[in-house]
Protein backbone atom coordinates (compact mmCIF):
# COMPACT_ATOMS: atom_id res chain seq x y z
CA MET A 1 25.52 -2.01 -20.14
CA LYS A 2 25.04 -4.45 -17.28
CA ASN A 3 23.15 -1.86 -15.23
CA LYS A 4 20.97 -1.00 -18.23
CA ASN A 5 20.07 -4.66 -18.72
CA LYS A 6 19.31 -4.99 -15.03
CA ILE A 7 16.99 -1.95 -15.09
CA TRP A 8 15.31 -3.16 -18.30
CA ASN A 9 14.68 -6.60 -16.82
CA ALA A 10 13.29 -5.01 -13.66
CA VAL A 11 10.68 -3.29 -15.85
CA LYS A 12 10.21 -5.92 -18.55
CA ILE A 13 9.56 -8.93 -16.35
CA PRO A 14 6.74 -7.41 -14.22
CA LEU A 15 5.12 -6.01 -17.38
CA LEU A 16 5.28 -9.44 -19.02
CA ALA A 17 3.77 -11.00 -15.89
CA ILE A 18 0.92 -8.46 -15.87
CA LEU A 19 0.23 -8.97 -19.60
CA CYS A 20 0.12 -12.76 -19.21
CA SER A 21 -2.17 -12.47 -16.19
CA LEU A 22 -4.58 -10.15 -18.02
CA VAL A 23 -4.76 -12.64 -20.90
CA ALA A 24 -5.43 -15.51 -18.48
CA ALA A 25 -8.06 -13.48 -16.61
CA GLY A 26 -9.62 -12.52 -19.94
CA VAL A 27 -10.07 -16.20 -20.78
CA ILE A 28 -11.83 -16.75 -17.44
CA ILE A 29 -14.14 -13.76 -18.05
CA ALA A 30 -14.93 -15.08 -21.54
CA LEU A 31 -15.81 -18.49 -20.08
CA THR A 32 -18.38 -16.79 -17.84
CA GLY A 33 -20.08 -15.47 -20.96
CA SER A 34 -18.88 -11.86 -20.72
CA ASN A 35 -16.72 -9.76 -23.01
CA PRO A 36 -13.24 -9.38 -21.43
CA PHE A 37 -12.47 -6.22 -23.40
CA ARG A 38 -15.70 -4.63 -22.19
CA ALA A 39 -14.91 -5.74 -18.64
CA TYR A 40 -11.42 -4.24 -18.68
CA TYR A 41 -12.74 -1.00 -20.18
CA ALA A 42 -15.38 -0.87 -17.43
CA LEU A 43 -12.59 -1.08 -14.84
CA LEU A 44 -11.01 2.00 -16.41
CA GLN A 45 -14.37 3.78 -16.45
CA GLY A 46 -15.04 2.97 -12.80
CA SER A 47 -11.68 4.45 -11.82
CA GLY A 48 -12.00 7.65 -13.82
CA LEU A 49 -9.45 6.66 -16.46
CA ALA A 50 -12.07 6.44 -19.23
CA PRO A 51 -15.34 8.34 -19.74
CA LYS A 52 -18.68 6.84 -18.72
CA ALA A 53 -21.82 7.02 -20.82
CA ALA A 54 -23.52 9.30 -18.29
CA TYR A 55 -22.80 11.04 -14.97
CA ALA A 56 -24.89 12.17 -12.02
CA ASN A 57 -25.13 15.81 -10.99
CA TYR A 58 -21.81 17.40 -9.96
CA LYS A 59 -19.95 14.34 -11.24
CA SER A 60 -17.65 13.76 -14.22
CA MET A 61 -14.65 11.73 -15.27
CA LEU A 62 -12.51 14.16 -13.24
CA THR A 63 -14.41 13.51 -10.02
CA ASP A 64 -14.06 9.76 -10.55
CA LEU A 65 -10.32 10.19 -11.12
CA PHE A 66 -9.86 12.17 -7.90
CA SER A 67 -11.90 9.57 -6.02
CA TYR A 68 -9.61 6.87 -7.43
CA VAL A 69 -6.49 8.77 -6.30
CA ASN A 70 -8.06 9.24 -2.87
CA TYR A 71 -8.74 5.50 -2.76
CA PHE A 72 -5.20 4.32 -3.53
CA THR A 73 -3.26 6.92 -1.49
CA PRO A 74 -3.25 4.85 1.76
CA MET A 75 -2.07 1.80 -0.19
CA ILE A 76 1.09 3.61 -1.31
CA PHE A 77 2.07 4.21 2.31
CA ALA A 78 1.14 0.65 3.33
CA ALA A 79 3.17 -0.92 0.51
CA LEU A 80 6.15 1.31 1.34
CA ALA A 81 5.87 0.13 4.95
CA VAL A 82 6.10 -3.48 3.81
CA ALA A 83 9.04 -2.69 1.50
CA VAL A 84 11.09 -1.00 4.24
CA ALA A 85 10.65 -3.97 6.57
CA LEU A 86 11.49 -6.46 3.82
CA ARG A 87 14.64 -4.48 3.08
CA ALA A 88 15.98 -5.65 6.44
CA GLY A 89 14.63 -9.17 6.02
CA LEU A 90 11.60 -8.56 8.26
CA PHE A 91 7.96 -9.27 7.48
CA ASN A 92 5.60 -6.58 8.73
CA ILE A 93 2.21 -8.27 8.62
CA GLY A 94 0.91 -5.82 11.22
CA VAL A 95 0.44 -2.85 8.88
CA SER A 96 -3.35 -2.98 9.27
CA GLY A 97 -3.10 -2.89 13.05
CA GLN A 98 -0.62 -0.02 12.95
CA MET A 99 -2.95 1.83 10.58
CA LEU A 100 -5.85 1.35 12.99
CA ALA A 101 -3.85 2.48 16.05
CA ALA A 102 -2.59 5.61 14.28
CA GLY A 103 -5.98 6.44 12.78
CA PHE A 104 -7.84 6.03 16.08
CA THR A 105 -5.33 8.08 18.08
CA ALA A 106 -5.39 10.91 15.55
CA THR A 107 -9.20 10.74 15.44
CA VAL A 108 -9.57 11.10 19.21
CA LEU A 109 -6.85 13.71 19.73
CA VAL A 110 -7.43 15.88 16.67
CA GLY A 111 -10.49 14.67 14.77
CA TYR A 112 -12.82 15.53 17.63
CA SER A 113 -11.04 18.74 18.64
CA GLY A 114 -11.90 22.26 17.61
CA LEU A 115 -8.55 22.92 15.98
CA GLY A 116 -8.49 24.79 12.68
CA ALA A 117 -7.29 23.17 9.48
CA VAL A 118 -3.87 24.87 9.53
CA ALA A 119 -2.98 23.21 12.84
CA ALA A 120 -5.12 20.08 12.62
CA LYS A 121 -3.96 18.58 9.32
CA PRO A 122 -0.19 18.66 10.07
CA LEU A 123 -0.90 17.39 13.58
CA VAL A 124 -2.85 14.44 12.18
CA ILE A 125 0.13 13.51 9.99
CA LEU A 126 2.55 13.91 12.92
CA ILE A 127 0.42 11.76 15.26
CA GLY A 128 0.09 9.10 12.57
CA MET A 129 3.87 8.88 12.18
CA VAL A 130 4.54 8.84 15.93
CA VAL A 131 1.93 6.23 16.86
CA GLY A 132 2.73 3.99 13.88
CA GLY A 133 6.46 4.37 14.55
CA LEU A 134 6.06 3.39 18.21
CA ALA A 135 4.04 0.31 17.26
CA GLY A 136 6.66 -0.71 14.71
CA ALA A 137 9.53 0.01 17.11
CA LEU A 138 7.93 -2.30 19.69
CA VAL A 139 7.92 -5.14 17.17
CA GLY A 140 11.54 -4.44 16.22
CA PHE A 141 12.60 -4.33 19.89
CA LEU A 142 10.87 -7.63 20.65
CA LYS A 143 12.64 -9.18 17.68
CA TYR A 144 16.05 -7.82 18.66
CA ARG A 145 15.89 -8.23 22.44
CA PHE A 146 13.92 -11.49 22.81
CA ASN A 147 14.10 -12.92 19.27
CA ILE A 148 10.28 -12.98 19.06
CA ASN A 149 9.27 -13.64 15.48
CA GLU A 150 7.90 -10.42 14.00
CA VAL A 151 5.09 -12.28 12.22
CA VAL A 152 3.78 -13.59 15.53
CA SER A 153 4.12 -10.28 17.38
CA THR A 154 2.48 -8.24 14.60
CA ILE A 155 -0.45 -10.66 14.32
CA MET A 156 -0.99 -10.51 18.09
CA LEU A 157 -0.79 -6.70 18.03
CA ASN A 158 -3.33 -6.67 15.20
CA TYR A 159 -5.82 -8.46 17.44
CA ILE A 160 -5.01 -6.25 20.43
CA PHE A 161 -5.47 -3.02 18.46
CA GLN A 162 -8.60 -4.31 16.73
CA TYR A 163 -10.55 -5.33 19.84
CA VAL A 164 -9.34 -2.67 22.28
CA ILE A 165 -10.14 0.10 19.81
CA SER A 166 -13.49 -1.51 18.96
CA PHE A 167 -14.36 -1.51 22.67
CA LEU A 168 -13.41 2.15 23.01
CA ILE A 169 -15.40 3.18 19.94
CA ASN A 170 -18.52 1.27 20.97
CA THR A 171 -18.25 2.62 24.52
CA TYR A 172 -17.35 6.27 23.99
CA PHE A 173 -17.26 7.35 20.34
CA VAL A 174 -19.94 5.42 18.45
CA ASP A 175 -22.43 7.11 16.12
CA PRO A 176 -25.83 5.57 16.98
CA VAL A 177 -27.00 5.84 13.36
CA SER A 178 -24.04 4.53 11.36
CA ARG A 179 -22.70 2.30 14.18
CA GLN A 180 -19.24 3.56 13.30
CA SER A 181 -17.13 6.10 15.13
CA VAL A 182 -18.40 9.68 15.04
CA GLU A 183 -17.16 11.37 11.87
CA VAL A 184 -14.09 13.57 12.26
CA SER A 185 -14.18 17.31 11.71
CA ALA A 186 -13.70 18.70 8.22
CA ALA A 187 -10.72 20.74 9.48
CA SER A 188 -8.82 17.60 10.54
CA ARG A 189 -9.66 15.56 7.46
CA LEU A 190 -6.87 14.94 4.94
CA THR A 191 -9.33 14.87 2.04
CA LEU A 192 -11.16 18.05 1.05
CA MET A 193 -14.62 16.57 0.55
CA ASP A 194 -17.12 17.91 -2.03
CA THR A 195 -14.90 20.81 -3.02
CA GLN A 196 -16.73 23.04 -5.49
CA ALA A 197 -14.87 23.39 -8.81
CA GLY A 198 -17.11 24.93 -11.44
CA ASN A 199 -20.18 22.72 -11.63
CA LEU A 200 -18.36 19.77 -10.04
CA LYS A 201 -17.91 18.59 -6.46
CA ILE A 202 -14.50 16.95 -6.12
CA ASP A 203 -12.88 15.03 -3.25
CA ILE A 204 -9.30 16.35 -3.21
CA PRO A 205 -6.84 13.99 -1.43
CA LEU A 206 -4.08 16.06 0.21
CA GLY A 207 -2.38 12.85 1.31
CA ILE A 208 -1.20 12.04 -2.23
CA LEU A 209 1.36 14.85 -1.97
CA VAL A 210 2.74 13.32 1.24
CA ALA A 211 2.68 9.87 -0.39
CA LEU A 212 4.75 11.01 -3.37
CA ALA A 213 7.21 12.71 -1.03
CA ALA A 214 7.42 9.47 0.98
CA VAL A 215 8.21 7.52 -2.21
CA VAL A 216 11.15 9.81 -2.97
CA LEU A 217 12.41 9.72 0.63
CA VAL A 218 12.27 5.91 0.77
CA TRP A 219 14.14 5.72 -2.55
CA ILE A 220 16.83 8.03 -1.13
CA LEU A 221 16.96 5.88 2.00
CA PHE A 222 17.39 2.70 -0.01
CA ASP A 223 19.88 3.88 -2.62
CA LYS A 224 21.67 6.94 -1.26
CA THR A 225 22.25 6.47 2.47
CA LYS A 226 24.49 4.41 4.72
CA LEU A 227 21.47 3.19 6.67
CA GLY A 228 19.89 1.91 3.46
CA TYR A 229 23.03 -0.08 2.67
CA GLU A 230 23.09 -1.49 6.19
CA LEU A 231 19.42 -2.51 5.98
CA LYS A 232 20.13 -4.28 2.71
CA ALA A 233 23.14 -6.07 4.21
CA VAL A 234 21.08 -7.19 7.22
CA GLY A 235 18.36 -8.40 4.87
CA PHE A 236 20.83 -10.53 2.92
CA SER A 237 22.57 -12.07 5.92
CA ARG A 238 22.45 -10.98 9.53
CA SER A 239 25.50 -13.01 10.50
CA ALA A 240 27.56 -11.56 7.64
CA ALA A 241 26.36 -8.03 8.46
CA ARG A 242 27.27 -8.52 12.11
CA TYR A 243 30.72 -9.79 11.09
CA ALA A 244 31.15 -6.65 8.95
CA GLY A 245 30.55 -4.48 12.01
CA ILE A 246 26.95 -3.49 11.29
CA ARG A 247 24.74 -3.13 14.36
CA VAL A 248 22.09 -5.62 13.35
CA GLY A 249 19.75 -5.00 16.28
CA ARG A 250 19.74 -1.26 15.62
CA CYS A 251 18.94 -1.85 11.96
CA MET A 252 16.03 -4.16 12.78
CA VAL A 253 14.51 -1.69 15.22
CA LEU A 254 15.00 1.24 12.83
CA SER A 255 13.54 -0.62 9.87
CA MET A 256 10.41 -1.57 11.83
CA THR A 257 10.14 1.96 13.22
CA ILE A 258 10.24 3.51 9.74
CA SER A 259 7.87 0.82 8.49
CA GLY A 260 5.47 1.63 11.32
CA MET A 261 5.66 5.36 10.59
CA LEU A 262 4.64 4.71 6.99
CA ALA A 263 1.84 2.40 8.16
CA GLY A 264 0.68 5.18 10.48
CA LEU A 265 0.51 7.56 7.53
CA ALA A 266 -1.54 4.95 5.68
CA GLY A 267 -3.89 4.87 8.66
CA VAL A 268 -4.50 8.60 8.91
CA THR A 269 -4.92 9.03 5.15
CA TYR A 270 -7.54 6.27 5.22
CA TYR A 271 -9.45 6.91 8.44
CA LEU A 272 -9.12 10.71 8.42
CA GLY A 273 -8.97 11.00 4.64
CA TYR A 274 -10.81 8.54 2.48
CA MET A 275 -13.35 7.37 5.11
CA GLY A 276 -13.63 9.99 7.87
CA SER A 277 -14.65 7.41 10.48
CA ILE A 278 -13.70 3.96 11.82
CA GLN A 279 -15.81 0.81 11.63
CA PRO A 280 -15.48 -1.22 14.86
CA LYS A 281 -14.23 -4.82 14.80
CA VAL A 282 -12.95 -4.44 11.24
CA LEU A 283 -9.27 -4.76 10.35
CA LEU A 284 -8.63 -3.40 6.87
CA ASN A 285 -7.39 -5.66 4.09
CA THR A 286 -5.15 -2.78 2.98
CA GLY A 287 -2.28 -3.85 5.20
CA PHE A 288 -2.40 -7.42 3.89
CA ASP A 289 -2.91 -6.43 0.25
CA ALA A 290 0.09 -4.12 0.63
CA ILE A 291 2.35 -7.16 0.91
CA ALA A 292 1.30 -8.29 -2.55
CA VAL A 293 1.48 -4.75 -3.94
CA SER A 294 5.02 -4.30 -2.63
CA LEU A 295 6.14 -7.63 -4.11
CA LEU A 296 4.48 -6.78 -7.44
CA GLY A 297 6.46 -3.52 -7.45
CA SER A 298 9.68 -5.47 -6.73
CA ASN A 299 9.93 -3.60 -3.39
CA ASN A 300 11.02 -0.57 -5.40
CA PRO A 301 9.44 2.72 -4.21
CA PHE A 302 8.67 3.90 -7.75
CA GLY A 303 7.50 0.45 -8.81
CA ILE A 304 5.12 0.49 -5.85
CA ILE A 305 3.32 3.53 -7.29
CA PHE A 306 2.41 1.65 -10.47
CA SER A 307 1.56 -1.63 -8.74
CA THR A 308 -0.67 0.30 -6.32
CA MET A 309 -2.45 1.99 -9.19
CA LEU A 310 -3.01 -1.33 -10.96
CA ILE A 311 -4.34 -3.29 -7.98
CA SER A 312 -6.47 -0.34 -6.81
CA LEU A 313 -7.86 0.14 -10.32
CA ILE A 314 -9.15 -3.43 -10.35
CA SER A 315 -10.66 -3.10 -6.89
CA LYS A 316 -12.12 0.38 -7.39
CA GLY A 317 -13.59 -0.32 -10.83
CA SER A 318 -15.10 -3.71 -9.97
CA THR A 319 -18.50 -2.29 -8.96
CA TYR A 320 -18.90 -0.43 -12.23
CA MET A 321 -17.67 -3.51 -14.11
CA ARG A 322 -20.49 -5.54 -12.55
CA SER A 323 -23.17 -2.99 -13.41
CA THR A 324 -22.15 -2.40 -17.04
CA ALA A 325 -20.32 -5.53 -18.20
CA GLY A 326 -22.23 -8.05 -16.09
CA VAL A 327 -19.08 -9.44 -14.51
CA ASP A 328 -19.30 -10.33 -10.80
CA THR A 329 -17.12 -8.27 -8.47
CA GLU A 330 -15.52 -11.51 -7.27
CA ILE A 331 -13.82 -11.71 -10.68
CA ALA A 332 -11.82 -8.62 -9.68
CA SER A 333 -10.29 -10.63 -6.85
CA VAL A 334 -9.58 -13.45 -9.32
CA ILE A 335 -7.79 -11.00 -11.64
CA THR A 336 -5.75 -9.66 -8.75
CA GLY A 337 -4.85 -13.19 -7.64
CA ILE A 338 -3.73 -14.18 -11.14
CA ILE A 339 -1.59 -11.05 -11.43
CA LEU A 340 0.13 -11.87 -8.13
CA LEU A 341 0.58 -15.51 -9.17
CA PHE A 342 2.32 -14.51 -12.39
CA SER A 343 4.33 -11.91 -10.46
CA ALA A 344 5.57 -14.64 -8.13
CA CYS A 345 6.70 -16.56 -11.20
CA SER A 346 8.64 -13.49 -12.33
CA ALA A 347 11.29 -14.25 -9.71
CA TYR A 348 11.91 -17.57 -11.45
CA ILE A 349 11.97 -15.88 -14.85
CA ARG A 350 14.50 -13.35 -13.59
CA HIS A 351 16.63 -16.17 -12.21
CA ARG A 352 16.57 -17.99 -15.57
CA LEU A 353 17.51 -14.85 -17.49
CA GLU A 354 20.41 -14.06 -15.18
CA ARG A 355 21.62 -17.65 -15.36
CA ARG A 356 21.39 -17.63 -19.15
CA ARG A 357 23.31 -14.34 -19.31
CA SER A 358 26.07 -15.64 -17.06
CA GLU A 359 26.34 -18.82 -19.17
CA LYS A 360 26.68 -16.75 -22.34
CA ALA A 361 29.34 -14.59 -20.70
CA GLN A 362 31.22 -17.69 -19.58
CA THR A 363 31.02 -19.21 -23.07
CA ALA A 364 32.26 -16.00 -24.68
CA LYS A 365 35.15 -15.90 -22.21
CA GLU A 366 36.15 -19.50 -23.01
CA ASP A 367 35.99 -18.82 -26.79
CA ARG A 368 38.57 -16.11 -26.37
């Protein structure tokens, strides 16, 4: 019964927080003179979860839905990366930099090669994991060996990756028309672009299959393995974990390595999937938004899927919301911020519920 209550609260509290935030955001939208129900419905339409009034040639609700899935696939990996690091009490704020490093390396080594799709696509995934894992391992090693705060080291690496890669793109790989890196080959791309399906042209994201597999593997790591237990112990208290015989340094390095591997997968599914090229001097917000997405999902791998879908829905549908409901796209950021604010309050709500339950149990025990 206790476990059932714990699971129910883990679901109920975030849902209550989201509901309250949507009501609060609806009041703000109403104050701007727009219809909140129309605005929320437009978000669904813009993400392919509700039909639009009209579609362009080769487009339909299905193409919008696949585009939405393609859009949020990198965020699943990025949020999982944050969750793995937090499991060991570490804060990986360098996900965006690790994404960029992995995406650029895979672009240069595979994206511009003549390899066929059968060899290129798995190689892109492998390179993303290796490069991201090495970047994460470096942060974990610096933390373990020299006690360098991982927030500082990841921020510095973000800048290093951003400007070194920007220099290389502008010097060797820039497209003179788009001013971005030259687009990768179709064979290396993890999204099958403009795939003909009847009278539709659909962007099919292959990365979503890898993302769902990653969710299951991270859940197994957290709940079914010795390493997962050790990471949790280190996250609770490093001194206590060390006293219990757990190799704390090893756990920190491993957690950041796995986190980096997931960030690398986020990078290749974005730069060689959703986008197909890299914009110089731009560090994606995905890695920073992933922190909020992971917290909204209670750092649970399956919860992260739903929190990713929610936050991405608001972001993806904001353009259509502006064009049909007359609500500025900035309101989408306001909605997201309110959701995260209420989600932060959910920790307090959970604390109050657990305290109330323990008090009732104590009272019942005394009455006996």
